[in-house]
C-alpha atoms as a PDB file:
ATOM      1  CA  GLN A   1     -40.676 -26.540  18.846  1.00  0.00           C
ATOM      2  CA  VAL A   2     -41.440 -23.135  19.759  1.00  0.00           C
ATOM      3  CA  ARG A   3     -39.985 -19.766  17.756  1.00  0.00           C
ATOM      4  CA  LEU A   4     -39.784 -16.752  19.619  1.00  0.00           C
ATOM      5  CA  VAL A   5     -39.377 -13.236  17.349  1.00  0.00           C
ATOM      6  CA  GLU A   6     -38.758  -9.916  19.097  1.00  0.00           C
ATOM      7  CA  SER A   7     -39.538  -6.793  17.668  1.00  0.00           C
ATOM      8  CA  GLY A   8     -39.466  -3.060  18.739  1.00  0.00           C
ATOM      9  CA  GLY A   9     -35.973  -2.194  19.760  1.00  0.00           C
ATOM     10  CA  GLY A  10     -34.093   0.997  18.778  1.00  0.00           C
ATOM     11  CA  LEU A  11     -32.398   3.799  19.393  1.00  0.00           C
ATOM     12  CA  VAL A  12     -34.149   6.361  22.258  1.00  0.00           C
ATOM     13  CA  GLN A  13     -33.449   9.191  24.431  1.00  0.00           C
ATOM     14  CA  ALA A  14     -32.640   9.144  28.139  1.00  0.00           C
ATOM     15  CA  GLY A  15     -36.348   9.506  29.671  1.00  0.00           C
ATOM     16  CA  GLY A  16     -38.082   8.182  26.511  1.00  0.00           C
ATOM     17  CA  SER A  17     -40.144   4.995  25.938  1.00  0.00           C
ATOM     18  CA  LEU A  18     -39.753   1.879  23.794  1.00  0.00           C
ATOM     19  CA  ARG A  19     -42.416  -1.091  23.371  1.00  0.00           C
ATOM     20  CA  LEU A  20     -41.008  -4.336  22.816  1.00  0.00           C
ATOM     21  CA  SER A  21     -43.074  -7.315  21.357  1.00  0.00           C
ATOM     22  CA  CYS A  22     -42.480 -11.061  21.134  1.00  0.00           C
ATOM     23  CA  ALA A  23     -44.506 -13.292  19.253  1.00  0.00           C
ATOM     24  CA  ALA A  24     -44.448 -17.068  19.782  1.00  0.00           C
ATOM     25  CA  SER A  25     -45.187 -19.574  17.070  1.00  0.00           C
ATOM     26  CA  GLY A  26     -45.139 -23.383  16.949  1.00  0.00           C
ATOM     27  CA  ARG A  27     -46.049 -25.649  19.448  1.00  0.00           C
ATOM     28  CA  THR A  28     -47.271 -23.003  21.963  1.00  0.00           C
ATOM     29  CA  SER A  29     -50.279 -25.240  23.476  1.00  0.00           C
ATOM     30  CA  SER A  30     -48.269 -25.682  26.768  1.00  0.00           C
ATOM     31  CA  VAL A  31     -46.736 -22.527  27.930  1.00  0.00           C
ATOM     32  CA  TYR A  32     -46.046 -21.657  31.800  1.00  0.00           C
ATOM     33  CA  ALA A  33     -44.812 -18.241  31.553  1.00  0.00           C
ATOM     34  CA  MET A  34     -42.704 -15.889  29.333  1.00  0.00           C
ATOM     35  CA  GLY A  35     -40.102 -13.659  29.966  1.00  0.00           C
ATOM     36  CA  TRP A  36     -37.735 -10.923  29.213  1.00  0.00           C
ATOM     37  CA  PHE A  37     -33.861 -10.682  29.963  1.00  0.00           C
ATOM     38  CA  ARG A  38     -31.209  -8.618  28.765  1.00  0.00           C
ATOM     39  CA  GLN A  39     -27.598  -8.563  28.072  1.00  0.00           C
ATOM     40  CA  ALA A  40     -25.404  -5.472  28.092  1.00  0.00           C
ATOM     41  CA  PRO A  41     -21.551  -5.890  26.663  1.00  0.00           C
ATOM     42  CA  GLY A  42     -19.191  -7.567  28.770  1.00  0.00           C
ATOM     43  CA  LYS A  43     -22.212  -8.451  31.514  1.00  0.00           C
ATOM     44  CA  THR A  44     -24.113 -11.628  31.883  1.00  0.00           C
ATOM     45  CA  ARG A  45     -27.747 -12.198  30.936  1.00  0.00           C
ATOM     46  CA  GLU A  46     -30.050 -10.781  33.612  1.00  0.00           C
ATOM     47  CA  PHE A  47     -33.406 -11.000  34.260  1.00  0.00           C
ATOM     48  CA  VAL A  48     -35.978  -8.214  33.516  1.00  0.00           C
ATOM     49  CA  ALA A  49     -39.502  -9.301  34.005  1.00  0.00           C
ATOM     50  CA  ALA A  50     -41.815 -12.433  33.386  1.00  0.00           C
ATOM     51  CA  ILE A  51     -45.585 -13.069  33.407  1.00  0.00           C
ATOM     52  CA  THR A  52     -47.245 -16.383  33.555  1.00  0.00           C
ATOM     53  CA  TRP A  53     -49.567 -17.563  31.007  1.00  0.00           C
ATOM     54  CA  SER A  54     -52.702 -18.320  32.800  1.00  0.00           C
ATOM     55  CA  LEU A  55     -53.315 -16.126  35.693  1.00  0.00           C
ATOM     56  CA  GLY A  56     -51.191 -13.478  34.123  1.00  0.00           C
ATOM     57  CA  ARG A  57     -48.957 -12.898  37.553  1.00  0.00           C
ATOM     58  CA  THR A  58     -46.305 -10.481  36.900  1.00  0.00           C
ATOM     59  CA  TYR A  59     -42.590 -10.505  38.317  1.00  0.00           C
ATOM     60  CA  TYR A  60     -39.859  -7.657  37.753  1.00  0.00           C
ATOM     61  CA  ALA A  61     -36.276  -6.882  38.560  1.00  0.00           C
ATOM     62  CA  ASP A  62     -36.103  -4.367  41.262  1.00  0.00           C
ATOM     63  CA  SER A  63     -34.061  -2.100  38.519  1.00  0.00           C
ATOM     64  CA  VAL A  64     -37.124  -1.848  36.419  1.00  0.00           C
ATOM     65  CA  LYS A  65     -39.759  -2.159  38.629  1.00  0.00           C
ATOM     66  CA  GLY A  66     -42.092   1.259  38.314  1.00  0.00           C
ATOM     67  CA  ARG A  67     -40.718   1.873  34.876  1.00  0.00           C
ATOM     68  CA  PHE A  68     -41.623  -1.165  32.880  1.00  0.00           C
ATOM     69  CA  THR A  69     -44.620  -3.338  32.399  1.00  0.00           C
ATOM     70  CA  ILE A  70     -45.016  -6.852  31.164  1.00  0.00           C
ATOM     71  CA  SER A  71     -48.257  -7.735  29.684  1.00  0.00           C
ATOM     72  CA  ARG A  72     -49.532 -10.623  27.314  1.00  0.00           C
ATOM     73  CA  ASP A  73     -51.966 -11.396  24.373  1.00  0.00           C
ATOM     74  CA  ASN A  74     -53.235 -14.776  24.935  1.00  0.00           C
ATOM     75  CA  ALA A  75     -55.118 -14.819  21.596  1.00  0.00           C
ATOM     76  CA  LYS A  76     -51.920 -13.982  19.721  1.00  0.00           C
ATOM     77  CA  ASP A  77     -49.435 -15.877  21.832  1.00  0.00           C
ATOM     78  CA  THR A  78     -47.377 -12.282  22.182  1.00  0.00           C
ATOM     79  CA  ILE A  79     -46.017 -10.530  25.037  1.00  0.00           C
ATOM     80  CA  PHE A  80     -45.170  -7.105  25.513  1.00  0.00           C
ATOM     81  CA  LEU A  81     -42.474  -4.887  27.411  1.00  0.00           C
ATOM     82  CA  GLN A  82     -43.524  -1.434  27.732  1.00  0.00           C
ATOM     83  CA  MET A  83     -40.455   0.547  28.865  1.00  0.00           C
ATOM     84  CA  ASN A  84     -40.722   3.952  30.267  1.00  0.00           C
ATOM     85  CA  ARG A  85     -38.352   6.575  31.618  1.00  0.00           C
ATOM     86  CA  LEU A  86     -35.430   4.899  30.024  1.00  0.00           C
ATOM     87  CA  LYS A  87     -31.933   5.281  31.388  1.00  0.00           C
ATOM     88  CA  PRO A  88     -28.672   4.670  29.739  1.00  0.00           C
ATOM     89  CA  GLU A  89     -27.742   2.014  31.889  1.00  0.00           C
ATOM     90  CA  ASP A  90     -31.262  -0.002  30.264  1.00  0.00           C
ATOM     91  CA  THR A  91     -28.825  -0.188  27.227  1.00  0.00           C
ATOM     92  CA  ALA A  92     -28.756  -4.230  26.214  1.00  0.00           C
ATOM     93  CA  ILE A  93     -29.868  -6.491  23.920  1.00  0.00           C
ATOM     94  CA  TYR A  94     -33.311  -7.966  25.239  1.00  0.00           C
ATOM     95  CA  TYR A  95     -34.213 -11.360  24.712  1.00  0.00           C
ATOM     96  CA  CYS A  96     -37.490 -13.001  24.683  1.00  0.00           C
ATOM     97  CA  SER A  97     -37.825 -16.329  26.767  1.00  0.00           C
ATOM     98  CA  LEU A  98     -40.491 -19.116  27.027  1.00  0.00           C
ATOM     99  CA  ALA A  99     -41.104 -21.636  29.817  1.00  0.00           C
ATOM    100  CA  ILE A 100     -42.972 -24.725  29.189  1.00  0.00           C
ATOM    101  CA  TYR A 101     -42.719 -26.067  32.617  1.00  0.00           C
ATOM    102  CA  TYR A 102     -43.425 -24.527  36.488  1.00  0.00           C
ATOM    103  CA  SER A 103     -40.384 -22.866  38.020  1.00  0.00           C
ATOM    104  CA  ASP A 104     -40.578 -20.772  41.008  1.00  0.00           C
ATOM    105  CA  ARG A 105     -37.445 -19.548  39.729  1.00  0.00           C
ATOM    106  CA  TYR A 106     -38.500 -17.333  37.088  1.00  0.00           C
ATOM    107  CA  TYR A 107     -35.539 -14.921  37.653  1.00  0.00           C
ATOM    108  CA  ALA A 108     -33.111 -17.764  36.242  1.00  0.00           C
ATOM    109  CA  PRO A 109     -32.517 -18.141  32.625  1.00  0.00           C
ATOM    110  CA  GLY A 110     -32.211 -21.734  33.263  1.00  0.00           C
ATOM    111  CA  ALA A 111     -36.002 -22.206  33.605  1.00  0.00           C
ATOM    112  CA  TYR A 112     -36.945 -21.131  30.229  1.00  0.00           C
ATOM    113  CA  ASN A 113     -37.125 -23.496  27.300  1.00  0.00           C
ATOM    114  CA  TYR A 114     -36.958 -21.227  24.349  1.00  0.00           C
ATOM    115  CA  TRP A 115     -35.072 -17.963  23.499  1.00  0.00           C
ATOM    116  CA  GLY A 116     -35.534 -15.469  20.871  1.00  0.00           C
ATOM    117  CA  ARG A 117     -32.625 -13.855  19.067  1.00  0.00           C
ATOM    118  CA  GLY A 118     -32.924 -10.496  20.760  1.00  0.00           C
ATOM    119  CA  THR A 119     -33.294  -6.961  19.670  1.00  0.00           C
ATOM    120  CA  GLN A 120     -31.226  -4.268  20.355  1.00  0.00           C
ATOM    121  CA  VAL A 121     -32.289  -1.414  22.753  1.00  0.00           C
ATOM    122  CA  THR A 122     -29.884   1.463  23.125  1.00  0.00           C
ATOM    123  CA  VAL A 123     -30.809   4.612  25.497  1.00  0.00           C
ATOM    124  CA  ALA A 124     -28.649   7.702  24.717  1.00  0.00           C
ATOM    125  CA  SER A 125     -27.623   9.999  27.481  1.00  0.00           C
END
């Protein structure tokens, strides 16, 4: 089993920045990729960013490209999401996810095996 714990959410003004962290614990010896998804009230969960564990290849949703940066610290089994130039439409619960197996569908929630409980990000206009 793998446990994922997110932190770093909060309330910020539009144009501001936040940095989310996600620490993995448990059986983390086999990780293909980790990612961030978000879910706003009344909407489905959507892909934000992902990073492959060995090569550090990154992927982003078009809506956050150029504003958000995903990174990893392999030694600490932790990933980060630096969010800059935040907009009110970025308001959502942000979930960390972990995939054990390879998938080219990095944007699909079904490609991930484990999920954190989420952290709230609220961007005030």
